[in-house]
Amino acid sequence: MNQVRLIASIAERDVLRYTPAGIPIVAARLLHSSTQSEAGIARLVEFEIAAQAAGRISEEFNQADLGGTYHFTGFLARKNRNSRSMVFHITGFE
């Protein structure tokens, strides 16, 4: 199963664009910071992740406040077929 839930803030967001098939899509960078328990020790976890929202959710995501913190759901996939880089594909947020 490839399902990701993440609390993060929107660090930056590109302009809404359309794929050649006419699907709206917007790319962004999300920032996450939390304390996680690993081997019984509290660990500060901070990272930035590439993300994108496509279809109906992209228009809602495009209106979300920059710097705002949201609960995101989605999945991870390669940036493109030949890439090793991962992108978080947003399927929902609140």
C-alpha atoms as a PDB file:
ATOM      1  CA  MET A   1       0.000   0.000   0.000  1.00  0.00           C
ATOM      2  CA  ASN A   2       1.269   3.459  -0.891  1.00  0.00           C
ATOM      3  CA  GLN A   3      -0.662   5.902   1.281  1.00  0.00           C
ATOM      4  CA  VAL A   4       0.859   8.940   2.972  1.00  0.00           C
ATOM      5  CA  ARG A   5      -0.633  11.212   5.629  1.00  0.00           C
ATOM      6  CA  LEU A   6       1.380  14.301   6.466  1.00  0.00           C
ATOM      7  CA  ILE A   7       0.962  17.507   8.418  1.00  0.00           C
ATOM      8  CA  ALA A   8       2.942  20.192   6.616  1.00  0.00           C
ATOM      9  CA  SER A   9       2.950  23.829   5.594  1.00  0.00           C
ATOM     10  CA  ILE A  10       2.967  25.087   2.020  1.00  0.00           C
ATOM     11  CA  ALA A  11       6.417  26.633   1.525  1.00  0.00           C
ATOM     12  CA  GLU A  12       6.025  27.550  -2.134  1.00  0.00           C
ATOM     13  CA  ARG A  13       3.598  26.880  -4.927  1.00  0.00           C
ATOM     14  CA  ASP A  14       3.832  27.210  -8.717  1.00  0.00           C
ATOM     15  CA  VAL A  15       1.158  28.742 -10.913  1.00  0.00           C
ATOM     16  CA  LEU A  16      -1.748  26.458 -11.806  1.00  0.00           C
ATOM     17  CA  ARG A  17      -1.150  24.961 -15.251  1.00  0.00           C
ATOM     18  CA  TYR A  18      -2.845  22.436 -17.494  1.00  0.00           C
ATOM     19  CA  THR A  19      -1.437  19.198 -18.903  1.00  0.00           C
ATOM     20  CA  PRO A  20      -1.733  18.523 -22.652  1.00  0.00           C
ATOM     21  CA  ALA A  21      -4.812  16.432 -21.753  1.00  0.00           C
ATOM     22  CA  GLY A  22      -6.380  19.507 -20.111  1.00  0.00           C
ATOM     23  CA  ILE A  23      -5.976  18.364 -16.491  1.00  0.00           C
ATOM     24  CA  PRO A  24      -5.249  21.205 -14.022  1.00  0.00           C
ATOM     25  CA  ILE A  25      -2.097  20.650 -11.991  1.00  0.00           C
ATOM     26  CA  VAL A  26      -0.100  22.678  -9.495  1.00  0.00           C
ATOM     27  CA  ALA A  27       3.354  21.847  -8.098  1.00  0.00           C
ATOM     28  CA  ALA A  28       4.541  22.894  -4.652  1.00  0.00           C
ATOM     29  CA  ARG A  29       7.073  22.342  -1.875  1.00  0.00           C
ATOM     30  CA  LEU A  30       5.826  21.322   1.553  1.00  0.00           C
ATOM     31  CA  LEU A  31       7.681  21.723   4.868  1.00  0.00           C
ATOM     32  CA  HIS A  32       7.242  19.264   7.723  1.00  0.00           C
ATOM     33  CA  SER A  33       8.529  19.440  11.292  1.00  0.00           C
ATOM     34  CA  SER A  34       7.667  17.049  14.124  1.00  0.00           C
ATOM     35  CA  THR A  35       9.069  15.022  16.982  1.00  0.00           C
ATOM     36  CA  GLN A  36       9.050  11.256  16.403  1.00  0.00           C
ATOM     37  CA  SER A  37       9.988   8.390  18.682  1.00  0.00           C
ATOM     38  CA  GLU A  38      12.697   6.102  17.347  1.00  0.00           C
ATOM     39  CA  ALA A  39      14.219   3.313  19.441  1.00  0.00           C
ATOM     40  CA  GLY A  40      12.635   4.938  22.499  1.00  0.00           C
ATOM     41  CA  ILE A  41      14.334   8.278  21.858  1.00  0.00           C
ATOM     42  CA  ALA A  42      12.610  11.490  20.765  1.00  0.00           C
ATOM     43  CA  ARG A  43      13.912  12.659  17.412  1.00  0.00           C
ATOM     44  CA  LEU A  44      13.275  15.990  15.674  1.00  0.00           C
ATOM     45  CA  VAL A  45      12.262  15.333  12.066  1.00  0.00           C
ATOM     46  CA  GLU A  46      12.306  18.182   9.546  1.00  0.00           C
ATOM     47  CA  PHE A  47      12.152  17.909   5.775  1.00  0.00           C
ATOM     48  CA  GLU A  48      10.966  19.566   2.587  1.00  0.00           C
ATOM     49  CA  ILE A  49       9.178  17.505  -0.036  1.00  0.00           C
ATOM     50  CA  ALA A  50       8.117  18.136  -3.622  1.00  0.00           C
ATOM     51  CA  ALA A  51       4.366  17.802  -4.051  1.00  0.00           C
ATOM     52  CA  GLN A  52       1.695  18.199  -6.693  1.00  0.00           C
ATOM     53  CA  ALA A  53      -2.071  18.299  -6.825  1.00  0.00           C
ATOM     54  CA  ALA A  54      -3.932  17.343  -9.996  1.00  0.00           C
ATOM     55  CA  GLY A  55      -7.545  17.471 -11.082  1.00  0.00           C
ATOM     56  CA  ARG A  56     -10.301  18.951  -8.926  1.00  0.00           C
ATOM     57  CA  ILE A  57      -8.133  19.108  -5.775  1.00  0.00           C
ATOM     58  CA  SER A  58      -5.559  21.303  -7.580  1.00  0.00           C
ATOM     59  CA  GLU A  59      -7.949  24.248  -7.740  1.00  0.00           C
ATOM     60  CA  GLU A  60      -8.656  24.032  -3.979  1.00  0.00           C
ATOM     61  CA  PHE A  61      -4.941  23.611  -3.250  1.00  0.00           C
ATOM     62  CA  ASN A  62      -4.143  26.621  -5.440  1.00  0.00           C
ATOM     63  CA  GLN A  63      -6.366  28.771  -3.174  1.00  0.00           C
ATOM     64  CA  ALA A  64      -4.838  27.513   0.110  1.00  0.00           C
ATOM     65  CA  ASP A  65      -2.780  30.002   2.128  1.00  0.00           C
ATOM     66  CA  LEU A  66       0.979  29.949   1.550  1.00  0.00           C
ATOM     67  CA  GLY A  67       2.618  29.187   4.881  1.00  0.00           C
ATOM     68  CA  GLY A  68      -0.609  27.573   6.086  1.00  0.00           C
ATOM     69  CA  THR A  69      -0.402  24.210   7.837  1.00  0.00           C
ATOM     70  CA  TYR A  70      -2.683  21.439   6.583  1.00  0.00           C
ATOM     71  CA  HIS A  71      -3.304  17.704   6.970  1.00  0.00           C
ATOM     72  CA  PHE A  72      -2.427  16.186   3.580  1.00  0.00           C
ATOM     73  CA  THR A  73      -3.219  12.731   2.220  1.00  0.00           C
ATOM     74  CA  GLY A  74      -1.857  11.190  -0.941  1.00  0.00           C
ATOM     75  CA  PHE A  75       0.771   8.834  -2.314  1.00  0.00           C
ATOM     76  CA  LEU A  76       4.411   8.844  -3.451  1.00  0.00           C
ATOM     77  CA  ALA A  77       5.493   8.316  -7.053  1.00  0.00           C
ATOM     78  CA  ARG A  78       8.491   9.026  -9.232  1.00  0.00           C
ATOM     79  CA  LYS A  79       8.689  12.520 -10.670  1.00  0.00           C
ATOM     80  CA  ASN A  80       8.593  10.919 -14.109  1.00  0.00           C
ATOM     81  CA  ARG A  81       9.184   7.498 -15.587  1.00  0.00           C
ATOM     82  CA  ASN A  82      12.987   7.890 -15.811  1.00  0.00           C
ATOM     83  CA  SER A  83      13.522   9.749 -12.521  1.00  0.00           C
ATOM     84  CA  ARG A  84      14.596   8.472  -9.126  1.00  0.00           C
ATOM     85  CA  SER A  85      13.195  11.580  -7.417  1.00  0.00           C
ATOM     86  CA  MET A  86       9.951  11.170  -5.488  1.00  0.00           C
ATOM     87  CA  VAL A  87       6.930  13.480  -5.519  1.00  0.00           C
ATOM     88  CA  PHE A  88       4.087  13.495  -3.014  1.00  0.00           C
ATOM     89  CA  HIS A  89       0.829  13.429  -5.005  1.00  0.00           C
ATOM     90  CA  ILE A  90      -1.838  15.213  -2.952  1.00  0.00           C
ATOM     91  CA  THR A  91      -5.271  13.598  -3.144  1.00  0.00           C
ATOM     92  CA  GLY A  92      -6.830  15.495  -0.231  1.00  0.00           C
ATOM     93  CA  PHE A  93      -6.140  18.107   2.437  1.00  0.00           C
ATOM     94  CA  GLU A  94      -7.902  19.967   5.217  1.00  0.00           C
END
